C-alpha atoms as a PDB file:
ATOM      1  CA  MET A   1     -15.434  19.684   3.048  1.00  0.00           C
ATOM      2  CA  LEU A   2     -17.301  16.777   1.521  1.00  0.00           C
ATOM      3  CA  LEU A   3     -15.156  17.085  -1.584  1.00  0.00           C
ATOM      4  CA  LEU A   4     -12.004  16.522   0.482  1.00  0.00           C
ATOM      5  CA  TYR A   5     -13.470  13.331   1.940  1.00  0.00           C
ATOM      6  CA  VAL A   6     -14.398  12.045  -1.515  1.00  0.00           C
ATOM      7  CA  ILE A   7     -10.976  12.878  -2.947  1.00  0.00           C
ATOM      8  CA  PHE A   8      -9.224  11.153  -0.048  1.00  0.00           C
ATOM      9  CA  ILE A   9     -11.354   8.017  -0.354  1.00  0.00           C
ATOM     10  CA  VAL A  10     -10.819   7.842  -4.123  1.00  0.00           C
ATOM     11  CA  TYR A  11      -7.074   8.293  -3.569  1.00  0.00           C
ATOM     12  CA  ILE A  12      -6.915   5.451  -1.047  1.00  0.00           C
ATOM     13  CA  LEU A  13      -8.932   3.168  -3.335  1.00  0.00           C
ATOM     14  CA  ALA A  14      -6.693   3.984  -6.302  1.00  0.00           C
ATOM     15  CA  VAL A  15      -3.486   3.362  -4.354  1.00  0.00           C
ATOM     16  CA  ASN A  16      -4.818   0.053  -3.032  1.00  0.00           C
ATOM     17  CA  PHE A  17      -5.867  -1.039  -6.516  1.00  0.00           C
ATOM     18  CA  TYR A  18      -2.413  -0.135  -7.826  1.00  0.00           C
ATOM     19  CA  ALA A  19      -0.826  -2.085  -4.952  1.00  0.00           C
ATOM     20  CA  VAL A  20      -2.719  -5.258  -5.824  1.00  0.00           C
ATOM     21  CA  MET A  21      -1.840  -4.897  -9.499  1.00  0.00           C
ATOM     22  CA  LEU A  22       1.827  -4.300  -8.598  1.00  0.00           C
ATOM     23  CA  VAL A  23       2.022  -7.466  -6.513  1.00  0.00           C
ATOM     24  CA  ARG A  24       0.317  -9.412  -9.294  1.00  0.00           C
ATOM     25  CA  ALA A  25       2.686  -8.019 -11.932  1.00  0.00           C
ATOM     26  CA  GLN A  26       5.733  -8.853  -9.828  1.00  0.00           C
ATOM     27  CA  ARG A  27       4.439 -12.371  -9.208  1.00  0.00           C
ATOM     28  CA  ASP A  28       3.830 -12.914 -12.926  1.00  0.00           C
ATOM     29  CA  GLU A  29       7.266 -11.539 -13.805  1.00  0.00           C
ATOM     30  CA  PHE A  30       8.862 -13.809 -11.206  1.00  0.00           C
ATOM     31  CA  SER A  31       7.114 -16.919 -12.491  1.00  0.00           C
ATOM     32  CA  GLU A  32       7.833 -16.187 -16.174  1.00  0.00           C
ATOM     33  CA  SER A  33      11.551 -15.509 -15.871  1.00  0.00           C
ATOM     34  CA  ASP A  34      14.134 -18.270 -15.803  1.00  0.00           C
ATOM     35  CA  ASN A  35      16.362 -16.890 -13.073  1.00  0.00           C
ATOM     36  CA  GLY A  36      13.620 -15.687 -10.744  1.00  0.00           C
ATOM     37  CA  GLY A  37      13.367 -12.197 -12.148  1.00  0.00           C
ATOM     38  CA  LYS A  38      14.381  -8.905 -10.628  1.00  0.00           C
ATOM     39  CA  THR A  39      11.742  -7.990  -8.087  1.00  0.00           C
ATOM     40  CA  GLY A  40      12.809  -5.116  -5.899  1.00  0.00           C
ATOM     41  CA  ASP A  41      11.087  -4.159  -2.712  1.00  0.00           C
ATOM     42  CA  GLY A  42      11.326  -0.422  -3.377  1.00  0.00           C
ATOM     43  CA  LYS A  43       8.121  -0.087  -5.369  1.00  0.00           C
ATOM     44  CA  LEU A  44       6.196  -2.156  -2.850  1.00  0.00           C
ATOM     45  CA  ILE A  45       7.480  -0.144   0.104  1.00  0.00           C
ATOM     46  CA  LEU A  46       6.794   3.182  -1.621  1.00  0.00           C
ATOM     47  CA  THR A  47       3.276   2.085  -2.516  1.00  0.00           C
ATOM     48  CA  ALA A  48       2.746   0.933   1.060  1.00  0.00           C
ATOM     49  CA  ILE A  49       3.875   4.289   2.448  1.00  0.00           C
ATOM     50  CA  LEU A  50       1.509   6.076   0.068  1.00  0.00           C
ATOM     51  CA  GLY A  51      -1.426   4.139   1.524  1.00  0.00           C
ATOM     52  CA  GLY A  52      -1.478   0.659   0.019  1.00  0.00           C
ATOM     53  CA  ALA A  53       0.097  -1.386   2.813  1.00  0.00           C
ATOM     54  CA  ILE A  54      -3.059  -3.311   3.679  1.00  0.00           C
ATOM     55  CA  ALA A  55      -3.690  -4.245   0.054  1.00  0.00           C
ATOM     56  CA  ILE A  56      -0.087  -5.380  -0.416  1.00  0.00           C
ATOM     57  CA  TYR A  57      -0.127  -7.471   2.743  1.00  0.00           C
ATOM     58  CA  VAL A  58      -3.442  -9.157   1.936  1.00  0.00           C
ATOM     59  CA  SER A  59      -2.583  -9.746  -1.719  1.00  0.00           C
ATOM     60  CA  MET A  60       0.752 -11.290  -0.756  1.00  0.00           C
ATOM     61  CA  PHE A  61      -1.133 -13.902   1.250  1.00  0.00           C
ATOM     62  CA  LEU A  62      -3.854 -14.438  -1.340  1.00  0.00           C
ATOM     63  CA  MET A  63      -1.331 -14.900  -4.141  1.00  0.00           C
ATOM     64  CA  ARG A  64       1.153 -16.761  -1.921  1.00  0.00           C
ATOM     65  CA  TYR A  65       3.966 -14.554  -3.118  1.00  0.00           C
ATOM     66  CA  ARG A  66       7.035 -13.297  -1.187  1.00  0.00           C
ATOM     67  CA  LEU A  67       5.858 -14.773   2.098  1.00  0.00           C
ATOM     68  CA  LYS A  68       9.410 -15.674   3.120  1.00  0.00           C
ATOM     69  CA  ASN A  69      10.660 -12.102   2.755  1.00  0.00           C
ATOM     70  CA  ILE A  70      11.010 -11.079   6.391  1.00  0.00           C
ATOM     71  CA  LEU A  71      11.354  -7.372   5.540  1.00  0.00           C
ATOM     72  CA  LEU A  72       7.942  -7.253   3.849  1.00  0.00           C
ATOM     73  CA  MET A  73       6.299  -9.514   6.421  1.00  0.00           C
ATOM     74  CA  VAL A  74       7.320  -7.188   9.269  1.00  0.00           C
ATOM     75  CA  LEU A  75       7.243  -3.822   7.532  1.00  0.00           C
ATOM     76  CA  MET A  76       3.819  -4.069   5.845  1.00  0.00           C
ATOM     77  CA  PRO A  77       1.774  -4.451   9.064  1.00  0.00           C
ATOM     78  CA  VAL A  78       3.727  -1.605  10.696  1.00  0.00           C
ATOM     79  CA  ILE A  79       3.109   0.693   7.739  1.00  0.00           C
ATOM     80  CA  ALA A  80      -0.536  -0.443   7.608  1.00  0.00           C
ATOM     81  CA  VAL A  81      -1.043   0.600  11.233  1.00  0.00           C
ATOM     82  CA  LEU A  82       0.510   3.984  10.460  1.00  0.00           C
ATOM     83  CA  ASN A  83      -1.721   4.349   7.375  1.00  0.00           C
ATOM     84  CA  VAL A  84      -4.853   3.644   9.398  1.00  0.00           C
ATOM     85  CA  TYR A  85      -3.709   5.973  12.183  1.00  0.00           C
ATOM     86  CA  PHE A  86      -3.108   8.870   9.790  1.00  0.00           C
ATOM     87  CA  ALA A  87      -6.393   8.233   7.965  1.00  0.00           C
ATOM     88  CA  VAL A  88      -8.329   8.323  11.239  1.00  0.00           C
ATOM     89  CA  LEU A  89      -6.419  11.418  12.284  1.00  0.00           C
ATOM     90  CA  ALA A  90      -7.251  13.107   8.975  1.00  0.00           C
ATOM     91  CA  PHE A  91     -10.956  12.310   9.221  1.00  0.00           C
ATOM     92  CA  ARG A  92     -11.208  13.389  12.859  1.00  0.00           C
ATOM     93  CA  SER A  93      -9.469  16.673  12.217  1.00  0.00           C
ATOM     94  CA  GLY A  94     -11.576  17.366   9.151  1.00  0.00           C
ATOM     95  CA  PHE A  95      -8.449  17.673   7.000  1.00  0.00           C
ATOM     96  CA  THR A  96      -7.431  20.847   8.772  1.00  0.00           C
ATOM     97  CA  PHE A  97      -3.687  20.268   8.664  1.00  0.00           C
ATOM     98  CA  PHE A  98      -2.783  23.737   7.535  1.00  0.00           C
ATOM     99  CA  VAL A  99      -3.606  26.856   9.487  1.00  0.00           C
ATOM    100  CA  VAL A 100      -4.773  29.576   7.140  1.00  0.00           C
ATOM    101  CA  SER A 101      -4.114  33.023   8.537  1.00  0.00           C
END
């Protein structure tokens, strides 16, 4: 059981680290290109759904990047609340999502 907790925590830390690096890479690409660069929201939203919504939201403010994008400004806190809810649910249930018969 302890191994599941450790794996889950390492997963969340890895996804959040990737989220911060993704925002930084998109910001650097945007500032280096002449026409503003092609920065899609798909990677950010997918990373947020996988567990990195809080890191994306905080890093957007720290780097002052994409703050005028209303989709990300509304969607990231909603996904972050869902991420926290499912994490709490997973820890309370002891990761017993599947019934083994």
